[in-house]
Amino acid sequence: MKYKLINIMEDSVLSTINKIAPQLNCCTCEKCKLDLAAYVLNRIPPKYADSEKGSLYTRANHLTAEFSNKLVMEITQAAADIGKASGHN
């Protein structure tokens, strides 16, 4: 069995960006989405797991409605900050 660390927040952030970026009036190219993700991931606490079972457990216990709202706020702030710097939106 191969083990690896999984940052649960990475998938959550990217998934949320894919859902809401088109509504934020910012560029939705892959580079800009990754810029948004990096910005947000550096501002929220990481949640790591070392197995799929641990990943599912962590998601169930940490991804609350309150956290989802915080994530949307962080992504919105990232879009505002990064959108100003992006030369191609």
C-alpha atoms as a PDB file:
ATOM      1  CA  MET A   1       0.000   0.000   0.000  1.00  0.00           C
ATOM      2  CA  LYS A   2       1.345   3.412  -0.962  1.00  0.00           C
ATOM      3  CA  TYR A   3       0.920   6.194   1.570  1.00  0.00           C
ATOM      4  CA  LYS A   4       0.833   9.902   0.959  1.00  0.00           C
ATOM      5  CA  LEU A   5      -0.251  13.047   2.738  1.00  0.00           C
ATOM      6  CA  ILE A   6      -3.470  14.618   1.576  1.00  0.00           C
ATOM      7  CA  ASN A   7      -4.304  18.245   2.326  1.00  0.00           C
ATOM      8  CA  ILE A   8      -8.097  18.113   2.477  1.00  0.00           C
ATOM      9  CA  MET A   9      -8.263  21.892   2.210  1.00  0.00           C
ATOM     10  CA  GLU A  10      -6.633  21.818  -1.225  1.00  0.00           C
ATOM     11  CA  ASP A  11      -9.496  19.863  -2.799  1.00  0.00           C
ATOM     12  CA  SER A  12     -12.094  21.921  -0.944  1.00  0.00           C
ATOM     13  CA  VAL A  13     -10.575  25.231  -2.033  1.00  0.00           C
ATOM     14  CA  LEU A  14     -10.203  24.187  -5.680  1.00  0.00           C
ATOM     15  CA  SER A  15     -13.732  22.796  -5.786  1.00  0.00           C
ATOM     16  CA  THR A  16     -15.187  25.981  -4.314  1.00  0.00           C
ATOM     17  CA  ILE A  17     -13.146  28.153  -6.685  1.00  0.00           C
ATOM     18  CA  ASN A  18     -14.481  26.184  -9.656  1.00  0.00           C
ATOM     19  CA  LYS A  19     -18.036  26.755  -8.413  1.00  0.00           C
ATOM     20  CA  ILE A  20     -17.880  30.465  -7.629  1.00  0.00           C
ATOM     21  CA  ALA A  21     -15.082  32.016  -9.724  1.00  0.00           C
ATOM     22  CA  PRO A  22     -17.300  32.705 -12.747  1.00  0.00           C
ATOM     23  CA  GLN A  23     -19.572  34.799 -10.503  1.00  0.00           C
ATOM     24  CA  LEU A  24     -16.697  36.853  -9.069  1.00  0.00           C
ATOM     25  CA  ASN A  25     -15.917  38.753 -12.250  1.00  0.00           C
ATOM     26  CA  CYS A  26     -12.358  37.455 -12.330  1.00  0.00           C
ATOM     27  CA  CYS A  27     -10.352  35.454 -14.807  1.00  0.00           C
ATOM     28  CA  THR A  28     -11.132  31.739 -14.689  1.00  0.00           C
ATOM     29  CA  CYS A  29      -8.101  30.418 -16.556  1.00  0.00           C
ATOM     30  CA  GLU A  30      -6.189  27.593 -14.881  1.00  0.00           C
ATOM     31  CA  LYS A  31      -3.311  29.887 -13.855  1.00  0.00           C
ATOM     32  CA  CYS A  32      -5.618  32.382 -12.149  1.00  0.00           C
ATOM     33  CA  LYS A  33      -7.572  29.620 -10.388  1.00  0.00           C
ATOM     34  CA  LEU A  34      -4.292  28.261  -9.016  1.00  0.00           C
ATOM     35  CA  ASP A  35      -3.284  31.778  -7.946  1.00  0.00           C
ATOM     36  CA  LEU A  36      -6.586  32.059  -6.062  1.00  0.00           C
ATOM     37  CA  ALA A  37      -6.057  28.634  -4.478  1.00  0.00           C
ATOM     38  CA  ALA A  38      -2.518  29.473  -3.345  1.00  0.00           C
ATOM     39  CA  TYR A  39      -3.712  32.777  -1.872  1.00  0.00           C
ATOM     40  CA  VAL A  40      -6.502  31.083   0.091  1.00  0.00           C
ATOM     41  CA  LEU A  41      -4.501  28.018   1.157  1.00  0.00           C
ATOM     42  CA  ASN A  42      -1.896  30.315   2.696  1.00  0.00           C
ATOM     43  CA  ARG A  43      -4.604  31.949   4.822  1.00  0.00           C
ATOM     44  CA  ILE A  44      -6.487  28.946   6.181  1.00  0.00           C
ATOM     45  CA  PRO A  45      -5.267  26.156   8.449  1.00  0.00           C
ATOM     46  CA  PRO A  46      -4.297  22.965   6.622  1.00  0.00           C
ATOM     47  CA  LYS A  47      -6.046  19.680   7.394  1.00  0.00           C
ATOM     48  CA  TYR A  48      -3.928  16.660   6.548  1.00  0.00           C
ATOM     49  CA  ALA A  49      -4.746  12.977   6.344  1.00  0.00           C
ATOM     50  CA  ASP A  50      -2.611  10.014   5.339  1.00  0.00           C
ATOM     51  CA  SER A  51      -5.308   7.725   3.970  1.00  0.00           C
ATOM     52  CA  GLU A  52      -8.597   7.888   2.117  1.00  0.00           C
ATOM     53  CA  LYS A  53     -10.419   6.856   5.308  1.00  0.00           C
ATOM     54  CA  GLY A  54      -8.696   9.633   7.249  1.00  0.00           C
ATOM     55  CA  SER A  55      -9.491  12.067   4.464  1.00  0.00           C
ATOM     56  CA  LEU A  56     -13.198  11.225   4.597  1.00  0.00           C
ATOM     57  CA  TYR A  57     -13.227  11.485   8.398  1.00  0.00           C
ATOM     58  CA  THR A  58     -11.504  14.869   8.323  1.00  0.00           C
ATOM     59  CA  ARG A  59     -13.871  16.199   5.652  1.00  0.00           C
ATOM     60  CA  ALA A  60     -16.907  15.098   7.641  1.00  0.00           C
ATOM     61  CA  ASN A  61     -15.676  16.719  10.846  1.00  0.00           C
ATOM     62  CA  HIS A  62     -14.176  19.963   9.574  1.00  0.00           C
ATOM     63  CA  LEU A  63     -16.072  21.082   6.505  1.00  0.00           C
ATOM     64  CA  THR A  64     -19.001  22.816   8.165  1.00  0.00           C
ATOM     65  CA  ALA A  65     -21.331  25.479   6.806  1.00  0.00           C
ATOM     66  CA  GLU A  66     -19.379  28.053   8.829  1.00  0.00           C
ATOM     67  CA  PHE A  67     -16.137  26.926   7.217  1.00  0.00           C
ATOM     68  CA  SER A  68     -17.741  26.969   3.750  1.00  0.00           C
ATOM     69  CA  ASN A  69     -18.799  30.578   4.319  1.00  0.00           C
ATOM     70  CA  LYS A  70     -15.262  31.485   5.439  1.00  0.00           C
ATOM     71  CA  LEU A  71     -13.886  29.795   2.342  1.00  0.00           C
ATOM     72  CA  VAL A  72     -16.188  31.806   0.058  1.00  0.00           C
ATOM     73  CA  MET A  73     -15.139  35.018   1.831  1.00  0.00           C
ATOM     74  CA  GLU A  74     -11.438  34.161   1.443  1.00  0.00           C
ATOM     75  CA  ILE A  75     -11.888  33.318  -2.256  1.00  0.00           C
ATOM     76  CA  THR A  76     -13.814  36.546  -2.816  1.00  0.00           C
ATOM     77  CA  GLN A  77     -11.002  38.514  -1.172  1.00  0.00           C
ATOM     78  CA  ALA A  78      -8.434  36.629  -3.241  1.00  0.00           C
ATOM     79  CA  ALA A  79     -10.324  37.424  -6.444  1.00  0.00           C
ATOM     80  CA  ALA A  80     -10.426  41.098  -5.528  1.00  0.00           C
ATOM     81  CA  ASP A  81      -6.705  41.225  -4.719  1.00  0.00           C
ATOM     82  CA  ILE A  82      -5.430  38.993  -7.509  1.00  0.00           C
ATOM     83  CA  GLY A  83      -7.849  40.352 -10.100  1.00  0.00           C
ATOM     84  CA  LYS A  84      -6.221  43.751  -9.743  1.00  0.00           C
ATOM     85  CA  ALA A  85      -2.826  42.253 -10.527  1.00  0.00           C
ATOM     86  CA  SER A  86      -3.890  39.977 -13.372  1.00  0.00           C
ATOM     87  CA  GLY A  87      -3.302  41.478 -16.774  1.00  0.00           C
ATOM     88  CA  HIS A  88      -5.637  39.211 -18.705  1.00  0.00           C
ATOM     89  CA  ASN A  89      -9.137  39.216 -17.136  1.00  0.00           C
END
